[in-house]
Amino acid sequence: MKIYTGPVFEMAHTQFDTISDHLEIAADERDPIFYPKRALTVSCQIHRDDGSTAV
């Protein structure tokens, strides 16, 4: 699983670009803001009502 892929990431990137245009953030300053140096991914088990478990 890659953190910087997928439909949710693409949606967030589109929204970030839109608001960056509105705030007049320079294009060369956007990547350092949008792509963090570190990221934390967490997986949690959930127990469903039917007795099954999902992550």
N, C-alpha and C. Protein backbone atom coordinates (compact mmCIF):
# COMPACT_ATOMS: atom_id res chain seq x y z
N MET A 1 0.84 -1.19 0.00
CA MET A 1 0.00 0.00 0.00
C MET A 1 0.88 1.23 0.00
N LYS A 2 0.63 2.13 -0.93
CA LYS A 2 1.37 3.38 -0.99
C LYS A 2 0.50 4.49 -0.44
N ILE A 3 1.11 5.36 0.31
CA ILE A 3 0.35 6.44 0.96
C ILE A 3 -0.10 7.49 -0.04
N TYR A 4 0.75 7.81 -1.01
CA TYR A 4 0.46 8.90 -1.93
C TYR A 4 -0.22 8.44 -3.21
N THR A 5 -1.15 7.50 -3.10
CA THR A 5 -1.91 7.02 -4.25
C THR A 5 -3.35 6.82 -3.83
N GLY A 6 -4.22 6.69 -4.80
CA GLY A 6 -5.61 6.36 -4.53
C GLY A 6 -6.55 7.54 -4.72
N PRO A 7 -7.82 7.23 -4.79
CA PRO A 7 -8.81 8.27 -5.08
C PRO A 7 -8.95 9.32 -3.98
N VAL A 8 -8.78 8.94 -2.73
CA VAL A 8 -8.90 9.92 -1.64
C VAL A 8 -7.73 10.89 -1.69
N PHE A 9 -6.53 10.37 -1.94
CA PHE A 9 -5.36 11.24 -2.06
C PHE A 9 -5.51 12.19 -3.24
N GLU A 10 -5.99 11.68 -4.37
CA GLU A 10 -6.17 12.53 -5.55
C GLU A 10 -7.19 13.64 -5.28
N MET A 11 -8.27 13.32 -4.56
CA MET A 11 -9.27 14.32 -4.21
C MET A 11 -8.66 15.39 -3.31
N ALA A 12 -7.87 14.96 -2.32
CA ALA A 12 -7.22 15.91 -1.42
C ALA A 12 -6.24 16.80 -2.18
N HIS A 13 -5.53 16.21 -3.14
CA HIS A 13 -4.57 16.99 -3.92
C HIS A 13 -5.29 18.04 -4.77
N THR A 14 -6.40 17.67 -5.36
CA THR A 14 -7.19 18.61 -6.15
C THR A 14 -7.71 19.76 -5.28
N GLN A 15 -8.21 19.43 -4.09
CA GLN A 15 -8.70 20.45 -3.17
C GLN A 15 -7.56 21.36 -2.71
N PHE A 16 -6.39 20.78 -2.45
CA PHE A 16 -5.23 21.57 -2.04
C PHE A 16 -4.82 22.53 -3.15
N ASP A 17 -4.79 22.06 -4.39
CA ASP A 17 -4.44 22.93 -5.51
C ASP A 17 -5.43 24.08 -5.65
N THR A 18 -6.71 23.79 -5.46
CA THR A 18 -7.74 24.82 -5.57
C THR A 18 -7.55 25.91 -4.52
N ILE A 19 -7.36 25.50 -3.27
CA ILE A 19 -7.21 26.48 -2.20
C ILE A 19 -5.86 27.18 -2.30
N SER A 20 -4.83 26.49 -2.81
CA SER A 20 -3.52 27.12 -3.00
C SER A 20 -3.61 28.24 -4.02
N ASP A 21 -4.41 28.03 -5.07
CA ASP A 21 -4.63 29.09 -6.05
C ASP A 21 -5.32 30.28 -5.39
N HIS A 22 -6.31 29.98 -4.58
CA HIS A 22 -7.07 31.04 -3.89
C HIS A 22 -6.17 31.83 -2.94
N LEU A 23 -5.26 31.13 -2.24
CA LEU A 23 -4.36 31.79 -1.29
C LEU A 23 -3.09 32.33 -1.95
N GLU A 24 -2.98 32.10 -3.27
CA GLU A 24 -1.83 32.57 -4.05
C GLU A 24 -0.51 32.02 -3.52
N ILE A 25 -0.50 30.71 -3.19
CA ILE A 25 0.73 30.03 -2.79
C ILE A 25 1.50 29.70 -4.06
N ALA A 26 2.77 30.07 -4.09
CA ALA A 26 3.59 29.84 -5.28
C ALA A 26 3.70 28.34 -5.58
N ALA A 27 3.79 28.02 -6.86
CA ALA A 27 3.82 26.61 -7.29
C ALA A 27 5.01 25.86 -6.69
N ASP A 28 6.15 26.52 -6.56
CA ASP A 28 7.33 25.84 -6.03
C ASP A 28 7.27 25.62 -4.52
N GLU A 29 6.31 26.24 -3.85
CA GLU A 29 6.14 26.06 -2.41
C GLU A 29 5.07 25.02 -2.06
N ARG A 30 4.33 24.56 -3.02
CA ARG A 30 3.20 23.65 -2.76
C ARG A 30 3.62 22.24 -2.40
N ASP A 31 4.59 21.67 -3.13
CA ASP A 31 5.00 20.30 -2.85
C ASP A 31 5.55 20.12 -1.43
N PRO A 32 6.43 21.01 -0.95
CA PRO A 32 6.89 20.84 0.43
C PRO A 32 5.76 20.92 1.47
N ILE A 33 4.72 21.66 1.15
CA ILE A 33 3.58 21.76 2.08
C ILE A 33 2.72 20.49 1.99
N PHE A 34 2.46 20.03 0.77
CA PHE A 34 1.52 18.93 0.58
C PHE A 34 2.11 17.56 0.91
N TYR A 35 3.38 17.34 0.57
CA TYR A 35 4.01 16.05 0.82
C TYR A 35 4.84 16.12 2.09
N PRO A 36 4.40 15.49 3.15
CA PRO A 36 5.14 15.55 4.41
C PRO A 36 6.43 14.73 4.35
N LYS A 37 7.37 15.05 5.24
CA LYS A 37 8.60 14.27 5.34
C LYS A 37 8.32 12.89 5.93
N ARG A 38 7.35 12.82 6.82
CA ARG A 38 6.99 11.56 7.45
C ARG A 38 5.47 11.40 7.41
N ALA A 39 5.05 10.15 7.41
CA ALA A 39 3.62 9.86 7.46
C ALA A 39 3.41 8.65 8.36
N LEU A 40 2.28 8.61 9.00
CA LEU A 40 1.94 7.52 9.88
C LEU A 40 0.68 6.85 9.34
N THR A 41 0.77 5.55 9.13
CA THR A 41 -0.39 4.77 8.68
C THR A 41 -0.77 3.81 9.79
N VAL A 42 -2.04 3.78 10.12
CA VAL A 42 -2.52 2.95 11.21
C VAL A 42 -3.60 2.01 10.69
N SER A 43 -3.54 0.75 11.09
CA SER A 43 -4.58 -0.22 10.78
C SER A 43 -5.22 -0.66 12.09
N CYS A 44 -6.52 -0.71 12.10
CA CYS A 44 -7.25 -1.11 13.31
C CYS A 44 -8.20 -2.25 12.98
N GLN A 45 -8.23 -3.23 13.85
CA GLN A 45 -9.21 -4.31 13.71
C GLN A 45 -10.53 -3.85 14.29
N ILE A 46 -11.59 -4.19 13.59
CA ILE A 46 -12.92 -3.94 14.13
C ILE A 46 -13.68 -5.26 14.18
N HIS A 47 -14.50 -5.40 15.19
CA HIS A 47 -15.33 -6.59 15.34
C HIS A 47 -16.75 -6.21 14.96
N ARG A 48 -17.25 -6.85 13.94
CA ARG A 48 -18.58 -6.53 13.42
C ARG A 48 -19.65 -7.26 14.22
N ASP A 49 -20.87 -6.78 14.08
CA ASP A 49 -22.00 -7.37 14.78
C ASP A 49 -22.22 -8.84 14.41
N ASP A 50 -21.85 -9.21 13.17
CA ASP A 50 -22.06 -10.60 12.76
C ASP A 50 -20.96 -11.54 13.25
N GLY A 51 -20.01 -11.01 14.04
CA GLY A 51 -18.95 -11.83 14.60
C GLY A 51 -17.67 -11.85 13.80
N SER A 52 -17.69 -11.28 12.59
CA SER A 52 -16.49 -11.25 11.76
C SER A 52 -15.57 -10.11 12.20
N THR A 53 -14.34 -10.20 11.75
CA THR A 53 -13.35 -9.18 12.05
C THR A 53 -12.84 -8.59 10.75
N ALA A 54 -12.63 -7.29 10.71
CA ALA A 54 -12.12 -6.60 9.51
C ALA A 54 -11.02 -5.65 9.92
N VAL A 55 -10.17 -5.32 8.98
CA VAL A 55 -9.09 -4.36 9.22
C VAL A 55 -9.35 -3.14 8.36
